[in-house]
């Protein structure tokens, strides 16, 4: 989900007529950030005592500067 959101925000950034984006969740459940909990669990089981590879990838992907860039409202 993070990849999809990043890709779409990058496209919208090129459009001069788009000045704001509002993200809403669908359905009755809480808004989800897109983490795959089952895959994370399986990665942890496969890496006992160490840091799971999937967790490392998620941390690097979700802690990148692009999140701050697009959430930052100083550009509005």
PDB file of N, CA and C in Angstrom:
ATOM      1  N   UNK A   1       0.821  -1.189   0.000  1.00  0.00           N
ATOM      2  CA  UNK A   1       0.000   0.000   0.000  1.00  0.00           C
ATOM      3  C   UNK A   1       0.868   1.256   0.000  1.00  0.00           C
ATOM      4  N   UNK A   2       1.962   1.211   0.717  1.00  0.00           N
ATOM      5  CA  UNK A   2       2.865   2.364   0.761  1.00  0.00           C
ATOM      6  C   UNK A   2       3.384   2.687  -0.633  1.00  0.00           C
ATOM      7  N   UNK A   3       3.743   1.652  -1.387  1.00  0.00           N
ATOM      8  CA  UNK A   3       4.235   1.863  -2.754  1.00  0.00           C
ATOM      9  C   UNK A   3       3.174   2.497  -3.640  1.00  0.00           C
ATOM     10  N   UNK A   4       1.941   2.032  -3.515  1.00  0.00           N
ATOM     11  CA  UNK A   4       0.851   2.559  -4.339  1.00  0.00           C
ATOM     12  C   UNK A   4       0.582   4.018  -3.993  1.00  0.00           C
ATOM     13  N   UNK A   5       0.521   4.328  -2.709  1.00  0.00           N
ATOM     14  CA  UNK A   5       0.279   5.714  -2.293  1.00  0.00           C
ATOM     15  C   UNK A   5       1.405   6.613  -2.775  1.00  0.00           C
ATOM     16  N   UNK A   6       2.645   6.177  -2.605  1.00  0.00           N
ATOM     17  CA  UNK A   6       3.784   6.988  -3.040  1.00  0.00           C
ATOM     18  C   UNK A   6       3.729   7.245  -4.537  1.00  0.00           C
ATOM     19  N   UNK A   7       3.440   6.223  -5.305  1.00  0.00           N
ATOM     20  CA  UNK A   7       3.363   6.362  -6.759  1.00  0.00           C
ATOM     21  C   UNK A   7       2.280   7.360  -7.155  1.00  0.00           C
ATOM     22  N   UNK A   8       1.110   7.245  -6.546  1.00  0.00           N
ATOM     23  CA  UNK A   8       0.006   8.148  -6.891  1.00  0.00           C
ATOM     24  C   UNK A   8       0.302   9.583  -6.457  1.00  0.00           C
ATOM     25  N   UNK A   9       0.859   9.772  -5.281  1.00  0.00           N
ATOM     26  CA  UNK A   9       1.202  11.120  -4.831  1.00  0.00           C
ATOM     27  C   UNK A   9       2.242  11.755  -5.745  1.00  0.00           C
ATOM     28  N   UNK A  10       3.171  10.966  -6.234  1.00  0.00           N
ATOM     29  CA  UNK A  10       4.181  11.478  -7.168  1.00  0.00           C
ATOM     30  C   UNK A  10       3.530  11.958  -8.459  1.00  0.00           C
ATOM     31  N   UNK A  11       2.533  11.224  -8.927  1.00  0.00           N
ATOM     32  CA  UNK A  11       1.812  11.635 -10.141  1.00  0.00           C
ATOM     33  C   UNK A  11       1.019  12.914  -9.890  1.00  0.00           C
ATOM     34  N   UNK A  12       0.321  12.974  -8.776  1.00  0.00           N
ATOM     35  CA  UNK A  12      -0.478  14.156  -8.465  1.00  0.00           C
ATOM     36  C   UNK A  12       0.395  15.385  -8.259  1.00  0.00           C
ATOM     37  N   UNK A  13       1.612  15.187  -7.785  1.00  0.00           N
ATOM     38  CA  UNK A  13       2.518  16.311  -7.561  1.00  0.00           C
ATOM     39  C   UNK A  13       2.807  17.055  -8.867  1.00  0.00           C
ATOM     40  N   UNK A  14       2.768  16.362  -9.978  1.00  0.00           N
ATOM     41  CA  UNK A  14       3.040  16.962 -11.286  1.00  0.00           C
ATOM     42  C   UNK A  14       1.871  17.803 -11.796  1.00  0.00           C
ATOM     43  N   UNK A  15       0.693  17.596 -11.232  1.00  0.00           N
ATOM     44  CA  UNK A  15      -0.510  18.304 -11.670  1.00  0.00           C
ATOM     45  C   UNK A  15      -0.642  19.636 -10.932  1.00  0.00           C
ATOM     46  N   UNK A  16      -0.640  20.725 -11.679  1.00  0.00           N
ATOM     47  CA  UNK A  16      -0.713  22.058 -11.062  1.00  0.00           C
ATOM     48  C   UNK A  16      -2.079  22.342 -10.443  1.00  0.00           C
ATOM     49  N   UNK A  17      -3.134  21.675 -10.933  1.00  0.00           N
ATOM     50  CA  UNK A  17      -4.475  21.941 -10.416  1.00  0.00           C
ATOM     51  C   UNK A  17      -4.805  21.140  -9.151  1.00  0.00           C
ATOM     52  N   UNK A  18      -3.915  20.262  -8.716  1.00  0.00           N
ATOM     53  CA  UNK A  18      -4.124  19.511  -7.473  1.00  0.00           C
ATOM     54  C   UNK A  18      -3.304  20.175  -6.374  1.00  0.00           C
ATOM     55  N   UNK A  19      -3.998  20.686  -5.365  1.00  0.00           N
ATOM     56  CA  UNK A  19      -3.305  21.391  -4.281  1.00  0.00           C
ATOM     57  C   UNK A  19      -3.410  20.658  -2.945  1.00  0.00           C
ATOM     58  N   UNK A  20      -4.309  19.680  -2.855  1.00  0.00           N
ATOM     59  CA  UNK A  20      -4.462  18.924  -1.609  1.00  0.00           C
ATOM     60  C   UNK A  20      -5.052  17.554  -1.925  1.00  0.00           C
ATOM     61  N   UNK A  21      -4.746  16.599  -1.073  1.00  0.00           N
ATOM     62  CA  UNK A  21      -5.273  15.244  -1.213  1.00  0.00           C
ATOM     63  C   UNK A  21      -5.772  14.807   0.157  1.00  0.00           C
ATOM     64  N   UNK A  22      -6.960  14.238   0.186  1.00  0.00           N
ATOM     65  CA  UNK A  22      -7.524  13.713   1.429  1.00  0.00           C
ATOM     66  C   UNK A  22      -7.674  12.207   1.270  1.00  0.00           C
ATOM     67  N   UNK A  23      -7.084  11.458   2.182  1.00  0.00           N
ATOM     68  CA  UNK A  23      -7.186   9.999   2.154  1.00  0.00           C
ATOM     69  C   UNK A  23      -8.255   9.557   3.137  1.00  0.00           C
ATOM     70  N   UNK A  24      -9.159   8.721   2.669  1.00  0.00           N
ATOM     71  CA  UNK A  24     -10.205   8.172   3.522  1.00  0.00           C
ATOM     72  C   UNK A  24     -10.183   6.657   3.422  1.00  0.00           C
ATOM     73  N   UNK A  25     -10.486   6.001   4.515  1.00  0.00           N
ATOM     74  CA  UNK A  25     -10.583   4.548   4.501  1.00  0.00           C
ATOM     75  C   UNK A  25     -11.930   4.118   3.943  1.00  0.00           C
ATOM     76  N   UNK A  26     -12.017   2.893   3.472  1.00  0.00           N
ATOM     77  CA  UNK A  26     -13.264   2.350   2.944  1.00  0.00           C
ATOM     78  C   UNK A  26     -13.783   1.273   3.890  1.00  0.00           C
ATOM     79  N   UNK A  27     -15.085   1.171   4.003  1.00  0.00           N
ATOM     80  CA  UNK A  27     -15.671   0.124   4.830  1.00  0.00           C
ATOM     81  C   UNK A  27     -15.838   0.551   6.276  1.00  0.00           C
ATOM     82  N   UNK A  28     -16.158  -0.430   7.102  1.00  0.00           N
ATOM     83  CA  UNK A  28     -16.466  -0.169   8.510  1.00  0.00           C
ATOM     84  C   UNK A  28     -15.269  -0.290   9.434  1.00  0.00           C
ATOM     85  N   UNK A  29     -14.147  -0.780   8.927  1.00  0.00           N
ATOM     86  CA  UNK A  29     -12.971  -0.974   9.768  1.00  0.00           C
ATOM     87  C   UNK A  29     -12.131   0.299   9.816  1.00  0.00           C
ATOM     88  N   UNK A  30     -11.201   0.334  10.745  1.00  0.00           N
ATOM     89  CA  UNK A  30     -10.304   1.486  10.882  1.00  0.00           C
ATOM     90  C   UNK A  30      -9.391   1.597   9.662  1.00  0.00           C
ATOM     91  N   UNK A  31      -8.926   2.809   9.394  1.00  0.00           N
ATOM     92  CA  UNK A  31      -8.005   3.039   8.278  1.00  0.00           C
ATOM     93  C   UNK A  31      -6.734   2.238   8.514  1.00  0.00           C
ATOM     94  N   UNK A  32      -6.268   1.573   7.493  1.00  0.00           N
ATOM     95  CA  UNK A  32      -5.099   0.697   7.606  1.00  0.00           C
ATOM     96  C   UNK A  32      -3.911   1.309   6.883  1.00  0.00           C
ATOM     97  N   UNK A  33      -2.760   1.269   7.508  1.00  0.00           N
ATOM     98  CA  UNK A  33      -1.546   1.793   6.883  1.00  0.00           C
ATOM     99  C   UNK A  33      -0.961   0.822   5.869  1.00  0.00           C
ATOM    100  N   UNK A  34      -1.489  -0.378   5.792  1.00  0.00           N
ATOM    101  CA  UNK A  34      -1.069  -1.317   4.764  1.00  0.00           C
ATOM    102  C   UNK A  34      -0.042  -2.356   5.179  1.00  0.00           C
ATOM    103  N   UNK A  35       0.291  -2.433   6.440  1.00  0.00           N
ATOM    104  CA  UNK A  35       1.261  -3.431   6.878  1.00  0.00           C
ATOM    105  C   UNK A  35       0.686  -4.840   6.777  1.00  0.00           C
ATOM    106  N   UNK A  36       1.450  -5.777   6.296  1.00  0.00           N
ATOM    107  CA  UNK A  36       1.021  -7.167   6.177  1.00  0.00           C
ATOM    108  C   UNK A  36       1.460  -7.901   7.439  1.00  0.00           C
ATOM    109  N   UNK A  37       0.569  -7.966   8.413  1.00  0.00           N
ATOM    110  CA  UNK A  37       0.900  -8.525   9.722  1.00  0.00           C
ATOM    111  C   UNK A  37       1.258 -10.007   9.623  1.00  0.00           C
ATOM    112  N   UNK A  38       0.541 -10.765   8.800  1.00  0.00           N
ATOM    113  CA  UNK A  38       0.836 -12.194   8.660  1.00  0.00           C
ATOM    114  C   UNK A  38       2.239 -12.398   8.097  1.00  0.00           C
ATOM    115  N   UNK A  39       2.590 -11.652   7.049  1.00  0.00           N
ATOM    116  CA  UNK A  39       3.926 -11.784   6.450  1.00  0.00           C
ATOM    117  C   UNK A  39       5.005 -11.364   7.445  1.00  0.00           C
ATOM    118  N   UNK A  40       4.726 -10.331   8.234  1.00  0.00           N
ATOM    119  CA  UNK A  40       5.686  -9.893   9.241  1.00  0.00           C
ATOM    120  C   UNK A  40       5.892 -10.983  10.294  1.00  0.00           C
ATOM    121  N   UNK A  41       4.797 -11.595  10.738  1.00  0.00           N
ATOM    122  CA  UNK A  41       4.892 -12.687  11.712  1.00  0.00           C
ATOM    123  C   UNK A  41       5.727 -13.841  11.157  1.00  0.00           C
ATOM    124  N   UNK A  42       5.441 -14.252   9.925  1.00  0.00           N
ATOM    125  CA  UNK A  42       6.178 -15.362   9.316  1.00  0.00           C
ATOM    126  C   UNK A  42       7.663 -15.025   9.171  1.00  0.00           C
ATOM    127  N   UNK A  43       7.965 -13.781   8.858  1.00  0.00           N
ATOM    128  CA  UNK A  43       9.354 -13.349   8.752  1.00  0.00           C
ATOM    129  C   UNK A  43      10.050 -13.425  10.110  1.00  0.00           C
ATOM    130  N   UNK A  44       9.319 -13.088  11.172  1.00  0.00           N
ATOM    131  CA  UNK A  44       9.888 -13.153  12.518  1.00  0.00           C
ATOM    132  C   UNK A  44      10.159 -14.598  12.922  1.00  0.00           C
ATOM    133  N   UNK A  45       9.251 -15.504  12.572  1.00  0.00           N
ATOM    134  CA  UNK A  45       9.429 -16.924  12.893  1.00  0.00           C
ATOM    135  C   UNK A  45      10.652 -17.480  12.171  1.00  0.00           C
ATOM    136  N   UNK A  46      10.894 -17.018  10.950  1.00  0.00           N
ATOM    137  CA  UNK A  46      12.022 -17.505  10.160  1.00  0.00           C
ATOM    138  C   UNK A  46      13.353 -16.896  10.603  1.00  0.00           C
ATOM    139  N   UNK A  47      13.314 -15.846  11.425  1.00  0.00           N
ATOM    140  CA  UNK A  47      14.541 -15.175  11.869  1.00  0.00           C
ATOM    141  C   UNK A  47      14.608 -15.128  13.392  1.00  0.00           C
ATOM    142  N   UNK A  48      14.553 -16.282  14.078  1.00  0.00           N
ATOM    143  CA  UNK A  48      14.555 -16.249  15.540  1.00  0.00           C
ATOM    144  C   UNK A  48      15.831 -15.608  16.087  1.00  0.00           C
ATOM    145  N   UNK A  49      15.642 -14.666  17.001  1.00  0.00           N
ATOM    146  CA  UNK A  49      16.783 -14.013  17.633  1.00  0.00           C
ATOM    147  C   UNK A  49      17.389 -12.881  16.831  1.00  0.00           C
ATOM    148  N   UNK A  50      16.961 -12.696  15.611  1.00  0.00           N
ATOM    149  CA  UNK A  50      17.503 -11.625  14.772  1.00  0.00           C
ATOM    150  C   UNK A  50      16.402 -10.689  14.307  1.00  0.00           C
ATOM    151  N   UNK A  51      16.784  -9.676  13.584  1.00  0.00           N
ATOM    152  CA  UNK A  51      15.809  -8.733  13.043  1.00  0.00           C
ATOM    153  C   UNK A  51      15.323  -9.281  11.702  1.00  0.00           C
ATOM    154  N   UNK A  52      14.030  -9.533  11.576  1.00  0.00           N
ATOM    155  CA  UNK A  52      13.505 -10.086  10.331  1.00  0.00           C
ATOM    156  C   UNK A  52      13.766  -9.162   9.141  1.00  0.00           C
ATOM    157  N   UNK A  53      14.094  -9.763   8.006  1.00  0.00           N
ATOM    158  CA  UNK A  53      14.359  -9.002   6.786  1.00  0.00           C
ATOM    159  C   UNK A  53      13.153  -8.148   6.414  1.00  0.00           C
ATOM    160  N   UNK A  54      11.944  -8.718   6.507  1.00  0.00           N
ATOM    161  CA  UNK A  54      10.748  -7.965   6.144  1.00  0.00           C
ATOM    162  C   UNK A  54      10.592  -6.729   7.023  1.00  0.00           C
ATOM    163  N   UNK A  55      10.888  -6.863   8.312  1.00  0.00           N
ATOM    164  CA  UNK A  55      10.799  -5.723   9.218  1.00  0.00           C
ATOM    165  C   UNK A  55      11.791  -4.639   8.820  1.00  0.00           C
ATOM    166  N   UNK A  56      12.994  -5.033   8.445  1.00  0.00           N
ATOM    167  CA  UNK A  56      13.990  -4.063   7.988  1.00  0.00           C
ATOM    168  C   UNK A  56      13.494  -3.325   6.753  1.00  0.00           C
ATOM    169  N   UNK A  57      12.925  -4.068   5.807  1.00  0.00           N
ATOM    170  CA  UNK A  57      12.414  -3.453   4.579  1.00  0.00           C
ATOM    171  C   UNK A  57      11.263  -2.507   4.874  1.00  0.00           C
ATOM    172  N   UNK A  58      10.343  -2.934   5.749  1.00  0.00           N
ATOM    173  CA  UNK A  58       9.207  -2.074   6.095  1.00  0.00           C
ATOM    174  C   UNK A  58       9.680  -0.792   6.758  1.00  0.00           C
ATOM    175  N   UNK A  59      10.625  -0.907   7.682  1.00  0.00           N
ATOM    176  CA  UNK A  59      11.110   0.279   8.375  1.00  0.00           C
ATOM    177  C   UNK A  59      11.745   1.256   7.401  1.00  0.00           C
ATOM    178  N   UNK A  60      12.591   0.754   6.510  1.00  0.00           N
ATOM    179  CA  UNK A  60      13.253   1.632   5.547  1.00  0.00           C
ATOM    180  C   UNK A  60      12.256   2.265   4.596  1.00  0.00           C
ATOM    181  N   UNK A  61      11.286   1.490   4.153  1.00  0.00           N
ATOM    182  CA  UNK A  61      10.309   1.990   3.195  1.00  0.00           C
ATOM    183  C   UNK A  61       9.378   3.015   3.831  1.00  0.00           C
ATOM    184  N   UNK A  62       8.916   2.735   5.047  1.00  0.00           N
ATOM    185  CA  UNK A  62       7.915   3.590   5.664  1.00  0.00           C
ATOM    186  C   UNK A  62       8.516   4.766   6.420  1.00  0.00           C
ATOM    187  N   UNK A  63       9.824   4.818   6.552  1.00  0.00           N
ATOM    188  CA  UNK A  63      10.430   5.938   7.267  1.00  0.00           C
ATOM    189  C   UNK A  63      11.189   6.859   6.323  1.00  0.00           C
ATOM    190  N   UNK A  64      10.855   6.813   5.063  1.00  0.00           N
ATOM    191  CA  UNK A  64      11.546   7.653   4.092  1.00  0.00           C
ATOM    192  C   UNK A  64      11.027   9.081   4.136  1.00  0.00           C
ATOM    193  N   UNK A  65      11.794   9.980   3.578  1.00  0.00           N
ATOM    194  CA  UNK A  65      11.450  11.397   3.607  1.00  0.00           C
ATOM    195  C   UNK A  65      10.210  11.738   2.800  1.00  0.00           C
ATOM    196  N   UNK A  66       9.827  10.901   1.837  1.00  0.00           N
ATOM    197  CA  UNK A  66       8.673  11.254   1.019  1.00  0.00           C
ATOM    198  C   UNK A  66       7.407  11.345   1.846  1.00  0.00           C
ATOM    199  N   UNK A  67       7.306  10.563   2.920  1.00  0.00           N
ATOM    200  CA  UNK A  67       6.118  10.644   3.764  1.00  0.00           C
ATOM    201  C   UNK A  67       6.023  12.038   4.369  1.00  0.00           C
ATOM    202  N   UNK A  68       7.109  12.540   4.921  1.00  0.00           N
ATOM    203  CA  UNK A  68       7.129  13.881   5.493  1.00  0.00           C
ATOM    204  C   UNK A  68       6.855  14.921   4.423  1.00  0.00           C
ATOM    205  N   UNK A  69       7.410  14.729   3.256  1.00  0.00           N
ATOM    206  CA  UNK A  69       7.226  15.683   2.160  1.00  0.00           C
ATOM    207  C   UNK A  69       5.756  15.857   1.820  1.00  0.00           C
ATOM    208  N   UNK A  70       5.035  14.769   1.694  1.00  0.00           N
ATOM    209  CA  UNK A  70       3.643  14.852   1.274  1.00  0.00           C
ATOM    210  C   UNK A  70       2.691  15.180   2.411  1.00  0.00           C
ATOM    211  N   UNK A  71       3.069  14.904   3.633  1.00  0.00           N
ATOM    212  CA  UNK A  71       2.202  15.231   4.761  1.00  0.00           C
ATOM    213  C   UNK A  71       2.434  16.672   5.214  1.00  0.00           C
ATOM    214  N   UNK A  72       3.587  17.205   4.940  1.00  0.00           N
ATOM    215  CA  UNK A  72       3.934  18.569   5.316  1.00  0.00           C
ATOM    216  C   UNK A  72       2.986  19.555   4.648  1.00  0.00           C
ATOM    217  N   UNK A  73       2.329  20.402   5.429  1.00  0.00           N
ATOM    218  CA  UNK A  73       1.353  21.341   4.867  1.00  0.00           C
ATOM    219  C   UNK A  73       1.935  22.717   4.608  1.00  0.00           C
ATOM    220  N   UNK A  74       3.222  22.908   4.825  1.00  0.00           N
ATOM    221  CA  UNK A  74       3.813  24.225   4.591  1.00  0.00           C
ATOM    222  C   UNK A  74       3.769  24.608   3.119  1.00  0.00           C
ATOM    223  N   UNK A  75       3.632  23.625   2.239  1.00  0.00           N
ATOM    224  CA  UNK A  75       3.612  23.905   0.810  1.00  0.00           C
ATOM    225  C   UNK A  75       2.238  24.330   0.311  1.00  0.00           C
ATOM    226  N   UNK A  76       1.219  24.288   1.168  1.00  0.00           N
ATOM    227  CA  UNK A  76      -0.135  24.663   0.746  1.00  0.00           C
ATOM    228  C   UNK A  76      -0.313  26.158   0.720  1.00  0.00           C
TER     229      UNK A  76
END
